Amino acid sequence: MTILRLATTADRASVEALVEAAYAHYVERIGTIPGPMRDDYAAYIAADYVELLFDGAELVGLLVLIPKPSTLLLDNVAIAPSAQGRGFGRLLMRHAEARARELGYDNVTLYTQERMHENLAIYRRYGYVETHRAEELGLKRVYLRKTLA
C-alpha cells in the first residue's frame, strides 16, 4: 500500500539521503552538484513543501511543490534507485497536477538540467512543453510548463 504524506522535521535525514541516492549519478555527467542536492530541505520541510511517498514502510520517493504567484513549481521529484521503474514517478507527477488544481492553478512548471536527457524525455511524455533555457548557479536548466485541462 502506498502512502503520501507531508515530511516532518524528523524526516530530514531520510529526505536528504533519498535525494543524494537519486541524483549522485548525475554529478559526473553534468560536472557539478545538481540543484536538488544543494537545496535546504530543513526550510522546505518547515514550509510544508515536501511530500513523501511510502510503499509500505519503505520511503520510495518524494515531491517538492512550491506555490508561486501564477504557477505551482514542481521543484523536485525523486525516486529511490531501488524503486525506479515501478510507477512511483508517474504517481507523484499526477499528484503534483492534482495538487495544482486543488490550489487553483491552471499550470505546473518545472526545470531540469540540460544534460538530464532521460528526465527531459519523461517530462515531455507527460505533456510538459519547454518554455526557455537559462544558466543559474552554474547549472544549465531547461524550463518546462504543463497547462492543466
Protein backbone atom coordinates (compact mmCIF):
# COMPACT_ATOMS: atom_id res chain seq x y z
CA MET A 1 0.00 0.00 0.00
CA THR A 2 1.35 3.42 -0.94
CA ILE A 3 1.04 6.38 1.41
CA LEU A 4 1.76 10.01 0.60
CA ARG A 5 2.29 12.44 3.47
CA LEU A 6 3.96 15.72 4.31
CA ALA A 7 7.53 15.44 5.56
CA THR A 8 8.26 16.42 9.14
CA THR A 9 11.42 17.66 10.79
CA ALA A 10 12.16 14.08 11.84
CA ASP A 11 12.25 13.06 8.15
CA ARG A 12 15.04 15.45 7.14
CA ALA A 13 17.89 12.91 7.13
CA SER A 14 15.78 10.45 5.12
CA VAL A 15 14.84 13.17 2.63
CA GLU A 16 18.47 14.19 2.14
CA ALA A 17 19.58 10.56 1.80
CA LEU A 18 16.93 9.86 -0.84
CA VAL A 19 17.89 12.98 -2.82
CA GLU A 20 21.57 12.01 -2.64
CA ALA A 21 20.81 8.49 -3.86
CA ALA A 22 18.56 9.72 -6.67
CA TYR A 23 20.91 12.41 -8.01
CA ALA A 24 24.50 11.39 -7.18
CA HIS A 25 25.00 9.59 -10.51
CA TYR A 26 24.44 12.89 -12.36
CA VAL A 27 27.43 14.66 -10.77
CA GLU A 28 29.94 13.26 -13.24
CA ARG A 29 27.67 13.79 -16.24
CA ILE A 30 26.89 17.45 -15.56
CA GLY A 31 30.24 18.28 -13.99
CA THR A 32 28.79 19.75 -10.81
CA ILE A 33 26.40 19.02 -7.97
CA PRO A 34 22.78 19.00 -9.22
CA GLY A 35 20.42 21.61 -7.81
CA PRO A 36 18.32 19.19 -5.74
CA MET A 37 21.43 18.12 -3.83
CA ARG A 38 22.03 21.78 -2.89
CA ASP A 39 18.54 22.57 -1.57
CA ASP A 40 17.75 23.49 2.04
CA TYR A 41 15.42 20.65 2.99
CA ALA A 42 15.01 21.88 6.57
CA ALA A 43 13.45 25.07 5.18
CA TYR A 44 11.40 23.19 2.58
CA ILE A 45 10.05 20.80 5.22
CA ALA A 46 9.21 23.69 7.58
CA ALA A 47 7.27 25.36 4.73
CA ASP A 48 5.32 22.13 4.02
CA TYR A 49 6.76 21.85 0.50
CA VAL A 50 8.00 18.25 0.80
CA GLU A 51 5.74 15.23 0.41
CA LEU A 52 6.99 11.70 0.95
CA LEU A 53 5.81 8.56 -0.81
CA PHE A 54 5.99 5.27 1.05
CA ASP A 55 5.42 1.78 -0.28
CA GLY A 56 4.56 0.03 2.95
CA ALA A 57 7.26 1.19 5.37
CA GLU A 58 9.81 1.95 2.61
CA LEU A 59 10.41 5.56 1.54
CA VAL A 60 10.36 5.29 -2.25
CA GLY A 61 10.00 8.87 -3.43
CA LEU A 62 9.46 12.50 -2.69
CA LEU A 63 8.00 15.57 -4.23
CA VAL A 64 8.83 19.24 -3.59
CA LEU A 65 5.99 21.54 -4.59
CA ILE A 66 6.41 25.30 -4.19
CA PRO A 67 3.44 27.63 -4.74
CA LYS A 68 4.35 30.67 -6.85
CA PRO A 69 2.10 33.60 -7.81
CA SER A 70 0.96 32.14 -11.15
CA THR A 71 2.10 28.50 -11.08
CA LEU A 72 2.85 25.54 -8.90
CA LEU A 73 6.56 24.85 -9.20
CA LEU A 74 7.39 21.15 -9.19
CA ASP A 75 10.84 21.79 -7.76
CA ASN A 76 11.86 18.17 -7.32
CA VAL A 77 10.53 14.69 -7.93
CA ALA A 78 12.92 12.00 -6.77
CA ILE A 79 12.56 8.23 -6.69
CA ALA A 80 14.87 5.93 -4.76
CA PRO A 81 17.04 3.97 -7.21
CA SER A 82 15.70 0.68 -5.84
CA ALA A 83 12.12 1.82 -6.56
CA GLN A 84 12.59 3.20 -10.08
CA GLY A 85 10.57 1.66 -12.89
CA ARG A 86 7.65 0.75 -10.62
CA GLY A 87 5.32 3.66 -11.46
CA PHE A 88 6.08 5.82 -8.44
CA GLY A 89 7.31 8.74 -10.53
CA ARG A 90 4.10 8.70 -12.56
CA LEU A 91 2.07 8.64 -9.35
CA LEU A 92 3.96 11.66 -7.99
CA MET A 93 3.64 13.60 -11.26
CA ARG A 94 -0.12 13.03 -11.27
CA HIS A 95 -0.30 14.07 -7.64
CA ALA A 96 1.54 17.32 -8.43
CA GLU A 97 -1.01 18.14 -11.12
CA ALA A 98 -3.94 17.30 -8.84
CA ARG A 99 -2.44 19.44 -6.09
CA ALA A 100 -2.04 22.35 -8.54
CA ARG A 101 -5.73 22.12 -9.43
CA GLU A 102 -6.69 22.00 -5.73
CA LEU A 103 -4.70 25.20 -5.17
CA GLY A 104 -6.39 26.91 -8.12
CA TYR A 105 -3.51 26.85 -10.59
CA ASP A 106 -4.01 26.16 -14.27
CA ASN A 107 -0.42 25.03 -14.85
CA VAL A 108 2.60 23.34 -13.34
CA THR A 109 6.16 24.39 -14.10
CA LEU A 110 9.44 22.62 -13.53
CA TYR A 111 13.04 22.71 -14.62
CA THR A 112 15.76 20.15 -15.06
CA GLN A 113 19.39 20.02 -16.08
CA GLU A 114 20.09 20.24 -19.78
CA ARG A 115 22.13 17.01 -19.59
CA MET A 116 19.48 15.01 -17.74
CA HIS A 117 18.15 13.72 -21.06
CA GLU A 118 16.04 10.95 -19.59
CA ASN A 119 14.20 13.44 -17.34
CA LEU A 120 13.51 15.75 -20.27
CA ALA A 121 12.04 12.83 -22.21
CA ILE A 122 9.85 11.81 -19.27
CA TYR A 123 8.50 15.32 -18.74
CA ARG A 124 7.75 15.72 -22.43
CA ARG A 125 5.85 12.41 -22.41
CA TYR A 126 3.73 13.82 -19.57
CA GLY A 127 2.81 16.84 -21.69
CA TYR A 128 5.32 19.41 -20.43
CA VAL A 129 6.50 21.88 -23.05
CA GLU A 130 9.81 23.70 -22.99
CA THR A 131 9.43 27.43 -22.33
CA HIS A 132 13.05 28.55 -22.13
CA ARG A 133 16.60 27.71 -21.08
CA ALA A 134 18.80 29.57 -18.62
CA GLU A 135 22.01 29.19 -16.69
CA GLU A 136 21.60 29.67 -12.94
CA LEU A 137 24.07 28.87 -10.17
CA GLY A 138 26.32 27.38 -12.85
CA LEU A 139 23.56 24.95 -13.87
CA LYS A 140 22.22 24.83 -17.43
CA ARG A 141 18.49 24.44 -16.92
CA VAL A 142 15.59 23.67 -19.21
CA TYR A 143 12.26 25.12 -18.05
CA LEU A 144 9.01 23.38 -18.89
CA ARG A 145 5.33 24.05 -18.29
CA LYS A 146 2.18 21.97 -18.47
CA THR A 147 -1.17 23.63 -18.87
CA LEU A 148 -3.83 21.73 -16.95
CA ALA A 149 -7.17 20.96 -18.54
